[in-house]
Amino acid sequence: MTQKPFTQPLSAQPLNLQQQIAGEFRIDPLTSEQSADLPAFERVALLLRENIISGNLYAGQPLLENELSERCGASRNTLREALRYLHGEGLVNYHQNRGVFVRQLDKRDVRDIFKVRRHLEILAVETNPQVSPFHLNRMLALIEQAEQEAENAAWRNVGTLSLRFHQSIVHMLGCQRFNDFFSVILAQLRLLFASGPAERDFQYPWIARDREIYQLLHEGRTSEASQALQVYLELSEKKLMQAFSLSTC
């Protein structure tokens, strides 16, 4: 299976059942903390959302009911409820007579996603002049993992860790509703990421920029951290918009 390079937004060809069985498609489990006290359909929805964020499920991929219910350890009715839930979050689409597919986003989605990111991430930085050691340690751990994954050329993992780094910024707001909402935004953002040979070119520059933001926060230089984050978001949005422009040429 060959996925399109970064000259186009992620729009991979669907895996067939034989490829899924061969191990190219997987569902990573939730932690007990993530799945605690949730109804069954919400657990499955969260499971699928987390696997979109991690890159295991990609834009345009068909979600085959029989296969997916088995891999998620859920009944088909529970899976259907979960897919309806994800449809409401803008992560899957229903196609008549074809089934359910992971959603493919467009330029309008890019603009909306980055409006949200600017509001929440910059708010989190500017309202936390003294970032707690807990948050700083979590950010540093994610950056160091990303650097290690980059050495191993595991670019999909690098992308996931960068998303988790920015998720940890929003966590500084200390609001569970923001955390839940931003998790959906991250999943949508992941569906815009590139795959294939040029994935390195897209992911590599963000490692140093994430570390710069962390270092400024660690040193209590809030204003500079906010400026660095704004530049980061502007560059990231521009790069994704350019990719969509190239894909329509």
C-alpha atoms as a PDB file:
ATOM      1  CA  MET A   1       0.000   0.000   0.000  1.00  0.00           C
ATOM      2  CA  THR A   2       1.352   3.412  -0.990  1.00  0.00           C
ATOM      3  CA  GLN A   3       0.070   6.520   0.714  1.00  0.00           C
ATOM      4  CA  LYS A   4       0.277   9.953  -0.873  1.00  0.00           C
ATOM      5  CA  PRO A   5       3.209  12.190   0.126  1.00  0.00           C
ATOM      6  CA  PHE A   6       2.866  15.576   1.745  1.00  0.00           C
ATOM      7  CA  THR A   7       2.246  17.318  -1.568  1.00  0.00           C
ATOM      8  CA  GLN A   8      -1.338  16.286  -0.782  1.00  0.00           C
ATOM      9  CA  PRO A   9      -3.209  16.212   2.524  1.00  0.00           C
ATOM     10  CA  LEU A  10      -3.554  12.771   4.008  1.00  0.00           C
ATOM     11  CA  SER A  11      -5.950  10.840   1.800  1.00  0.00           C
ATOM     12  CA  ALA A  12      -4.654   7.299   1.812  1.00  0.00           C
ATOM     13  CA  GLN A  13      -6.167   4.427  -0.108  1.00  0.00           C
ATOM     14  CA  PRO A  14      -8.295   2.209   2.145  1.00  0.00           C
ATOM     15  CA  LEU A  15      -6.764  -0.957   3.539  1.00  0.00           C
ATOM     16  CA  ASN A  16      -8.437  -4.108   2.366  1.00  0.00           C
ATOM     17  CA  LEU A  17      -9.360  -6.867   4.800  1.00  0.00           C
ATOM     18  CA  GLN A  18      -6.271  -8.931   3.975  1.00  0.00           C
ATOM     19  CA  GLN A  19      -3.988  -5.982   4.720  1.00  0.00           C
ATOM     20  CA  GLN A  20      -5.808  -5.348   8.001  1.00  0.00           C
ATOM     21  CA  ILE A  21      -5.358  -8.968   9.056  1.00  0.00           C
ATOM     22  CA  ALA A  22      -1.692  -8.749   8.061  1.00  0.00           C
ATOM     23  CA  GLY A  23      -1.243  -6.136  10.778  1.00  0.00           C
ATOM     24  CA  GLU A  24      -1.169  -2.815   8.895  1.00  0.00           C
ATOM     25  CA  PHE A  25      -4.283  -1.782  10.818  1.00  0.00           C
ATOM     26  CA  ARG A  26      -4.412  -1.899  14.595  1.00  0.00           C
ATOM     27  CA  ILE A  27      -6.349  -0.497  17.511  1.00  0.00           C
ATOM     28  CA  ASP A  28      -4.313   0.412  20.588  1.00  0.00           C
ATOM     29  CA  PRO A  29      -6.205  -0.059  23.882  1.00  0.00           C
ATOM     30  CA  LEU A  30      -7.209   2.700  26.273  1.00  0.00           C
ATOM     31  CA  THR A  31      -5.659   3.034  29.688  1.00  0.00           C
ATOM     32  CA  SER A  32      -7.866   2.230  32.675  1.00  0.00           C
ATOM     33  CA  GLU A  33      -7.803   5.928  33.593  1.00  0.00           C
ATOM     34  CA  GLN A  34      -9.127   6.929  30.156  1.00  0.00           C
ATOM     35  CA  SER A  35     -11.945   4.404  30.140  1.00  0.00           C
ATOM     36  CA  ALA A  36     -13.096   4.665  33.760  1.00  0.00           C
ATOM     37  CA  ASP A  37     -16.814   5.224  34.414  1.00  0.00           C
ATOM     38  CA  LEU A  38     -17.792   5.665  30.762  1.00  0.00           C
ATOM     39  CA  PRO A  39     -20.765   4.018  29.051  1.00  0.00           C
ATOM     40  CA  ALA A  40     -19.746   1.308  26.583  1.00  0.00           C
ATOM     41  CA  PHE A  41     -20.413   3.342  23.451  1.00  0.00           C
ATOM     42  CA  GLU A  42     -18.403   6.318  24.796  1.00  0.00           C
ATOM     43  CA  ARG A  43     -15.493   4.000  25.614  1.00  0.00           C
ATOM     44  CA  VAL A  44     -15.493   2.735  22.030  1.00  0.00           C
ATOM     45  CA  ALA A  45     -15.827   6.282  20.648  1.00  0.00           C
ATOM     46  CA  LEU A  46     -12.903   7.411  22.817  1.00  0.00           C
ATOM     47  CA  LEU A  47     -10.910   4.370  21.742  1.00  0.00           C
ATOM     48  CA  LEU A  48     -11.413   5.178  18.068  1.00  0.00           C
ATOM     49  CA  ARG A  49     -10.727   8.882  18.589  1.00  0.00           C
ATOM     50  CA  GLU A  50      -7.466   8.122  20.394  1.00  0.00           C
ATOM     51  CA  ASN A  51      -6.446   5.823  17.543  1.00  0.00           C
ATOM     52  CA  ILE A  52      -7.104   8.615  15.059  1.00  0.00           C
ATOM     53  CA  ILE A  53      -4.830  10.882  17.112  1.00  0.00           C
ATOM     54  CA  SER A  54      -2.124   8.202  17.144  1.00  0.00           C
ATOM     55  CA  GLY A  55      -2.397   7.740  13.372  1.00  0.00           C
ATOM     56  CA  ASN A  56      -3.683   4.168  13.458  1.00  0.00           C
ATOM     57  CA  LEU A  57      -6.862   5.291  11.685  1.00  0.00           C
ATOM     58  CA  TYR A  58      -6.472   7.713   8.801  1.00  0.00           C
ATOM     59  CA  ALA A  59      -8.558  10.016   6.623  1.00  0.00           C
ATOM     60  CA  GLY A  60     -10.668   8.165   4.091  1.00  0.00           C
ATOM     61  CA  GLN A  61     -10.319   4.773   5.768  1.00  0.00           C
ATOM     62  CA  PRO A  62     -13.451   2.602   5.714  1.00  0.00           C
ATOM     63  CA  LEU A  63     -14.604   1.442   9.135  1.00  0.00           C
ATOM     64  CA  LEU A  64     -15.778  -2.109   8.548  1.00  0.00           C
ATOM     65  CA  GLU A  65     -18.355  -2.993  11.165  1.00  0.00           C
ATOM     66  CA  ASN A  66     -17.578  -6.684  11.685  1.00  0.00           C
ATOM     67  CA  GLU A  67     -13.819  -6.201  11.828  1.00  0.00           C
ATOM     68  CA  LEU A  68     -13.977  -3.106  13.994  1.00  0.00           C
ATOM     69  CA  SER A  69     -16.417  -4.502  16.557  1.00  0.00           C
ATOM     70  CA  GLU A  70     -14.109  -7.479  17.046  1.00  0.00           C
ATOM     71  CA  ARG A  71     -11.006  -5.343  17.414  1.00  0.00           C
ATOM     72  CA  CYS A  72     -12.746  -2.979  19.830  1.00  0.00           C
ATOM     73  CA  GLY A  73     -14.236  -5.819  21.861  1.00  0.00           C
ATOM     74  CA  ALA A  74     -17.719  -4.359  21.454  1.00  0.00           C
ATOM     75  CA  SER A  75     -21.061  -5.459  20.065  1.00  0.00           C
ATOM     76  CA  ARG A  76     -22.133  -4.156  16.675  1.00  0.00           C
ATOM     77  CA  ASN A  77     -24.897  -2.108  18.314  1.00  0.00           C
ATOM     78  CA  THR A  78     -22.406  -0.458  20.665  1.00  0.00           C
ATOM     79  CA  LEU A  79     -20.073   0.223  17.744  1.00  0.00           C
ATOM     80  CA  ARG A  80     -22.897   1.850  15.784  1.00  0.00           C
ATOM     81  CA  GLU A  81     -23.647   4.129  18.725  1.00  0.00           C
ATOM     82  CA  ALA A  82     -19.965   5.009  18.969  1.00  0.00           C
ATOM     83  CA  LEU A  83     -19.767   5.833  15.254  1.00  0.00           C
ATOM     84  CA  ARG A  84     -22.813   8.103  15.530  1.00  0.00           C
ATOM     85  CA  TYR A  85     -21.053   9.838  18.431  1.00  0.00           C
ATOM     86  CA  LEU A  86     -17.907  10.321  16.321  1.00  0.00           C
ATOM     87  CA  HIS A  87     -20.034  11.605  13.449  1.00  0.00           C
ATOM     88  CA  GLY A  88     -21.283  14.311  15.787  1.00  0.00           C
ATOM     89  CA  GLU A  89     -17.648  15.189  16.539  1.00  0.00           C
ATOM     90  CA  GLY A  90     -16.866  15.544  12.832  1.00  0.00           C
ATOM     91  CA  LEU A  91     -14.520  12.541  12.730  1.00  0.00           C
ATOM     92  CA  VAL A  92     -16.445  10.095  10.536  1.00  0.00           C
ATOM     93  CA  ASN A  93     -18.866  10.347   7.625  1.00  0.00           C
ATOM     94  CA  TYR A  94     -21.664   8.090   6.438  1.00  0.00           C
ATOM     95  CA  HIS A  95     -21.771   7.358   2.697  1.00  0.00           C
ATOM     96  CA  GLN A  96     -25.005   5.906   1.392  1.00  0.00           C
ATOM     97  CA  ASN A  97     -24.667   2.283   0.273  1.00  0.00           C
ATOM     98  CA  ARG A  98     -20.935   2.352   1.070  1.00  0.00           C
ATOM     99  CA  GLY A  99     -20.685   2.513   4.853  1.00  0.00           C
ATOM    100  CA  VAL A 100     -18.802   4.633   7.377  1.00  0.00           C
ATOM    101  CA  PHE A 101     -15.448   6.269   6.646  1.00  0.00           C
ATOM    102  CA  VAL A 102     -12.963   8.302   8.644  1.00  0.00           C
ATOM    103  CA  ARG A 103     -13.621  11.862   7.547  1.00  0.00           C
ATOM    104  CA  GLN A 104     -11.476  13.725   5.021  1.00  0.00           C
ATOM    105  CA  LEU A 105     -11.123  17.391   5.913  1.00  0.00           C
ATOM    106  CA  ASP A 106     -10.719  20.464   3.713  1.00  0.00           C
ATOM    107  CA  LYS A 107      -9.358  24.014   3.828  1.00  0.00           C
ATOM    108  CA  ARG A 108     -12.305  25.314   5.836  1.00  0.00           C
ATOM    109  CA  ASP A 109     -11.527  22.765   8.520  1.00  0.00           C
ATOM    110  CA  VAL A 110      -7.911  23.924   8.650  1.00  0.00           C
ATOM    111  CA  ARG A 111      -8.998  27.514   9.306  1.00  0.00           C
ATOM    112  CA  ASP A 112     -11.502  26.481  11.989  1.00  0.00           C
ATOM    113  CA  ILE A 113      -9.043  24.170  13.748  1.00  0.00           C
ATOM    114  CA  PHE A 114      -6.379  26.844  13.966  1.00  0.00           C
ATOM    115  CA  LYS A 115      -8.826  29.441  15.252  1.00  0.00           C
ATOM    116  CA  VAL A 116      -9.562  27.064  18.119  1.00  0.00           C
ATOM    117  CA  ARG A 117      -5.883  26.339  18.682  1.00  0.00           C
ATOM    118  CA  ARG A 118      -5.013  30.030  18.880  1.00  0.00           C
ATOM    119  CA  HIS A 119      -7.730  30.728  21.405  1.00  0.00           C
ATOM    120  CA  LEU A 120      -7.072  27.785  23.705  1.00  0.00           C
ATOM    121  CA  GLU A 121      -3.310  27.265  23.506  1.00  0.00           C
ATOM    122  CA  ILE A 122      -2.389  30.932  23.722  1.00  0.00           C
ATOM    123  CA  LEU A 123      -4.910  31.462  26.523  1.00  0.00           C
ATOM    124  CA  ALA A 124      -3.298  28.574  28.408  1.00  0.00           C
ATOM    125  CA  VAL A 125       0.179  30.082  28.055  1.00  0.00           C
ATOM    126  CA  GLU A 126      -0.772  33.669  28.862  1.00  0.00           C
ATOM    127  CA  THR A 127      -2.783  32.775  31.968  1.00  0.00           C
ATOM    128  CA  ASN A 128      -0.029  30.596  33.451  1.00  0.00           C
ATOM    129  CA  PRO A 129       3.022  32.779  34.213  1.00  0.00           C
ATOM    130  CA  GLN A 130       4.199  30.073  36.627  1.00  0.00           C
ATOM    131  CA  VAL A 131       3.758  26.688  34.985  1.00  0.00           C
ATOM    132  CA  SER A 132       3.628  23.840  37.498  1.00  0.00           C
ATOM    133  CA  PRO A 133       6.445  21.260  37.628  1.00  0.00           C
ATOM    134  CA  PHE A 134       3.823  18.598  36.796  1.00  0.00           C
ATOM    135  CA  HIS A 135       2.997  20.198  33.442  1.00  0.00           C
ATOM    136  CA  LEU A 136       6.613  21.056  32.665  1.00  0.00           C
ATOM    137  CA  ASN A 137       7.756  17.509  33.356  1.00  0.00           C
ATOM    138  CA  ARG A 138       5.039  16.093  31.137  1.00  0.00           C
ATOM    139  CA  MET A 139       5.971  18.471  28.289  1.00  0.00           C
ATOM    140  CA  LEU A 140       9.655  17.644  28.587  1.00  0.00           C
ATOM    141  CA  ALA A 141       8.976  13.915  28.574  1.00  0.00           C
ATOM    142  CA  LEU A 142       6.948  14.257  25.364  1.00  0.00           C
ATOM    143  CA  ILE A 143       9.665  16.314  23.665  1.00  0.00           C
ATOM    144  CA  GLU A 144      12.382  13.843  24.638  1.00  0.00           C
ATOM    145  CA  GLN A 145      10.278  10.950  23.349  1.00  0.00           C
ATOM    146  CA  ALA A 146       9.712  12.830  20.072  1.00  0.00           C
ATOM    147  CA  GLU A 147      13.451  13.421  19.695  1.00  0.00           C
ATOM    148  CA  GLN A 148      14.093   9.726  20.254  1.00  0.00           C
ATOM    149  CA  GLU A 149      11.420   8.715  17.748  1.00  0.00           C
ATOM    150  CA  ALA A 150      12.937  11.121  15.216  1.00  0.00           C
ATOM    151  CA  GLU A 151      16.303   9.375  15.601  1.00  0.00           C
ATOM    152  CA  ASN A 152      14.489   6.142  14.762  1.00  0.00           C
ATOM    153  CA  ALA A 153      12.723   7.793  11.804  1.00  0.00           C
ATOM    154  CA  ALA A 154       9.352   6.932  13.389  1.00  0.00           C
ATOM    155  CA  TRP A 155       7.661  10.032  12.012  1.00  0.00           C
ATOM    156  CA  ARG A 156       4.098   8.971  12.721  1.00  0.00           C
ATOM    157  CA  ASN A 157       5.017   8.682  16.410  1.00  0.00           C
ATOM    158  CA  VAL A 158       6.740  12.074  16.251  1.00  0.00           C
ATOM    159  CA  GLY A 159       3.478  13.574  15.002  1.00  0.00           C
ATOM    160  CA  THR A 160       1.510  11.939  17.799  1.00  0.00           C
ATOM    161  CA  LEU A 161       3.900  13.198  20.462  1.00  0.00           C
ATOM    162  CA  SER A 162       3.765  16.739  19.100  1.00  0.00           C
ATOM    163  CA  LEU A 163      -0.035  16.625  19.326  1.00  0.00           C
ATOM    164  CA  ARG A 164       0.250  15.378  22.909  1.00  0.00           C
ATOM    165  CA  PHE A 165       2.652  18.232  23.701  1.00  0.00           C
ATOM    166  CA  HIS A 166       0.096  20.793  22.571  1.00  0.00           C
ATOM    167  CA  GLN A 167      -2.620  18.909  24.401  1.00  0.00           C
ATOM    168  CA  SER A 168      -0.557  19.301  27.562  1.00  0.00           C
ATOM    169  CA  ILE A 169      -0.477  23.071  26.989  1.00  0.00           C
ATOM    170  CA  VAL A 170      -4.290  23.180  26.974  1.00  0.00           C
ATOM    171  CA  HIS A 171      -4.326  20.992  30.104  1.00  0.00           C
ATOM    172  CA  MET A 172      -2.685  23.927  31.922  1.00  0.00           C
ATOM    173  CA  LEU A 173      -6.092  25.633  31.862  1.00  0.00           C
ATOM    174  CA  GLY A 174      -7.345  23.032  34.322  1.00  0.00           C
ATOM    175  CA  CYS A 175     -10.722  22.656  32.603  1.00  0.00           C
ATOM    176  CA  GLN A 176     -12.008  19.177  31.734  1.00  0.00           C
ATOM    177  CA  ARG A 177     -14.463  20.551  29.164  1.00  0.00           C
ATOM    178  CA  PHE A 178     -11.603  22.247  27.323  1.00  0.00           C
ATOM    179  CA  ASN A 179      -9.575  19.038  27.539  1.00  0.00           C
ATOM    180  CA  ASP A 180     -12.392  16.947  26.051  1.00  0.00           C
ATOM    181  CA  PHE A 181     -13.102  19.479  23.300  1.00  0.00           C
ATOM    182  CA  PHE A 182      -9.433  19.850  22.401  1.00  0.00           C
ATOM    183  CA  SER A 183      -9.069  16.073  22.129  1.00  0.00           C
ATOM    184  CA  VAL A 184     -11.577  16.192  19.255  1.00  0.00           C
ATOM    185  CA  ILE A 185      -9.660  19.078  17.668  1.00  0.00           C
ATOM    186  CA  LEU A 186      -6.429  17.069  17.865  1.00  0.00           C
ATOM    187  CA  ALA A 187      -8.087  14.100  16.161  1.00  0.00           C
ATOM    188  CA  GLN A 188      -9.304  16.372  13.364  1.00  0.00           C
ATOM    189  CA  LEU A 189      -5.841  17.898  13.102  1.00  0.00           C
ATOM    190  CA  ARG A 190      -4.278  14.458  12.814  1.00  0.00           C
ATOM    191  CA  LEU A 191      -6.467  13.760   9.795  1.00  0.00           C
ATOM    192  CA  LEU A 192      -4.719  16.656   8.041  1.00  0.00           C
ATOM    193  CA  PHE A 193      -1.236  15.282   8.609  1.00  0.00           C
ATOM    194  CA  ALA A 194       0.919  13.935   5.836  1.00  0.00           C
ATOM    195  CA  SER A 195       2.095  10.386   5.401  1.00  0.00           C
ATOM    196  CA  GLY A 196       4.552   8.667   3.124  1.00  0.00           C
ATOM    197  CA  PRO A 197       8.132   9.642   2.177  1.00  0.00           C
ATOM    198  CA  ALA A 198       7.696  13.384   2.845  1.00  0.00           C
ATOM    199  CA  GLU A 199       6.312  12.900   6.342  1.00  0.00           C
ATOM    200  CA  ARG A 200       9.741  13.651   7.795  1.00  0.00           C
ATOM    201  CA  ASP A 201       9.804  17.060   6.096  1.00  0.00           C
ATOM    202  CA  PHE A 202       6.514  17.952   7.719  1.00  0.00           C
ATOM    203  CA  GLN A 203       7.164  16.627  11.237  1.00  0.00           C
ATOM    204  CA  TYR A 204      10.859  17.321  11.822  1.00  0.00           C
ATOM    205  CA  PRO A 205      10.799  21.161  12.207  1.00  0.00           C
ATOM    206  CA  TRP A 206       8.178  21.083  14.954  1.00  0.00           C
ATOM    207  CA  ILE A 207      10.406  19.191  17.400  1.00  0.00           C
ATOM    208  CA  ALA A 208      12.766  22.146  17.867  1.00  0.00           C
ATOM    209  CA  ARG A 209       9.871  24.599  18.018  1.00  0.00           C
ATOM    210  CA  ASP A 210       8.118  22.539  20.705  1.00  0.00           C
ATOM    211  CA  ARG A 211      11.339  22.491  22.709  1.00  0.00           C
ATOM    212  CA  GLU A 212      11.692  26.261  22.338  1.00  0.00           C
ATOM    213  CA  ILE A 213       8.172  26.803  23.689  1.00  0.00           C
ATOM    214  CA  TYR A 214       8.879  24.424  26.579  1.00  0.00           C
ATOM    215  CA  GLN A 215      12.151  26.181  27.436  1.00  0.00           C
ATOM    216  CA  LEU A 216      10.521  29.610  27.497  1.00  0.00           C
ATOM    217  CA  LEU A 217       7.756  28.310  29.755  1.00  0.00           C
ATOM    218  CA  HIS A 218      10.317  26.635  32.008  1.00  0.00           C
ATOM    219  CA  GLU A 219      12.163  29.943  32.365  1.00  0.00           C
ATOM    220  CA  GLY A 220       8.952  31.843  33.095  1.00  0.00           C
ATOM    221  CA  ARG A 221       9.227  33.952  29.939  1.00  0.00           C
ATOM    222  CA  THR A 222       5.495  33.903  29.291  1.00  0.00           C
ATOM    223  CA  SER A 223       5.306  36.696  26.717  1.00  0.00           C
ATOM    224  CA  GLU A 224       8.077  35.163  24.596  1.00  0.00           C
ATOM    225  CA  ALA A 225       6.501  31.719  24.892  1.00  0.00           C
ATOM    226  CA  SER A 226       3.203  33.152  23.661  1.00  0.00           C
ATOM    227  CA  GLN A 227       4.945  34.795  20.702  1.00  0.00           C
ATOM    228  CA  ALA A 228       6.797  31.584  19.847  1.00  0.00           C
ATOM    229  CA  LEU A 229       3.530  29.654  19.990  1.00  0.00           C
ATOM    230  CA  GLN A 230       1.795  32.172  17.727  1.00  0.00           C
ATOM    231  CA  VAL A 231       4.592  31.844  15.164  1.00  0.00           C
ATOM    232  CA  TYR A 232       4.366  28.054  15.433  1.00  0.00           C
ATOM    233  CA  LEU A 233       0.633  28.066  14.759  1.00  0.00           C
ATOM    234  CA  GLU A 234       0.925  30.507  11.852  1.00  0.00           C
ATOM    235  CA  LEU A 235       3.611  28.380  10.187  1.00  0.00           C
ATOM    236  CA  SER A 236       1.734  25.137  10.776  1.00  0.00           C
ATOM    237  CA  GLU A 237      -1.500  26.519   9.336  1.00  0.00           C
ATOM    238  CA  LYS A 238       0.338  27.972   6.341  1.00  0.00           C
ATOM    239  CA  LYS A 239       2.042  24.668   5.598  1.00  0.00           C
ATOM    240  CA  LEU A 240      -1.212  22.726   5.716  1.00  0.00           C
ATOM    241  CA  MET A 241      -3.005  25.285   3.538  1.00  0.00           C
ATOM    242  CA  GLN A 242      -0.162  25.102   0.999  1.00  0.00           C
ATOM    243  CA  ALA A 243      -0.541  21.334   0.922  1.00  0.00           C
ATOM    244  CA  PHE A 244      -4.214  21.638   0.041  1.00  0.00           C
ATOM    245  CA  SER A 245      -3.393  24.182  -2.676  1.00  0.00           C
ATOM    246  CA  LEU A 246      -0.839  21.834  -4.219  1.00  0.00           C
ATOM    247  CA  SER A 247      -3.273  18.924  -4.125  1.00  0.00           C
ATOM    248  CA  THR A 248      -5.770  20.846  -6.259  1.00  0.00           C
ATOM    249  CA  CYS A 249      -3.236  21.913  -8.887  1.00  0.00           C
END
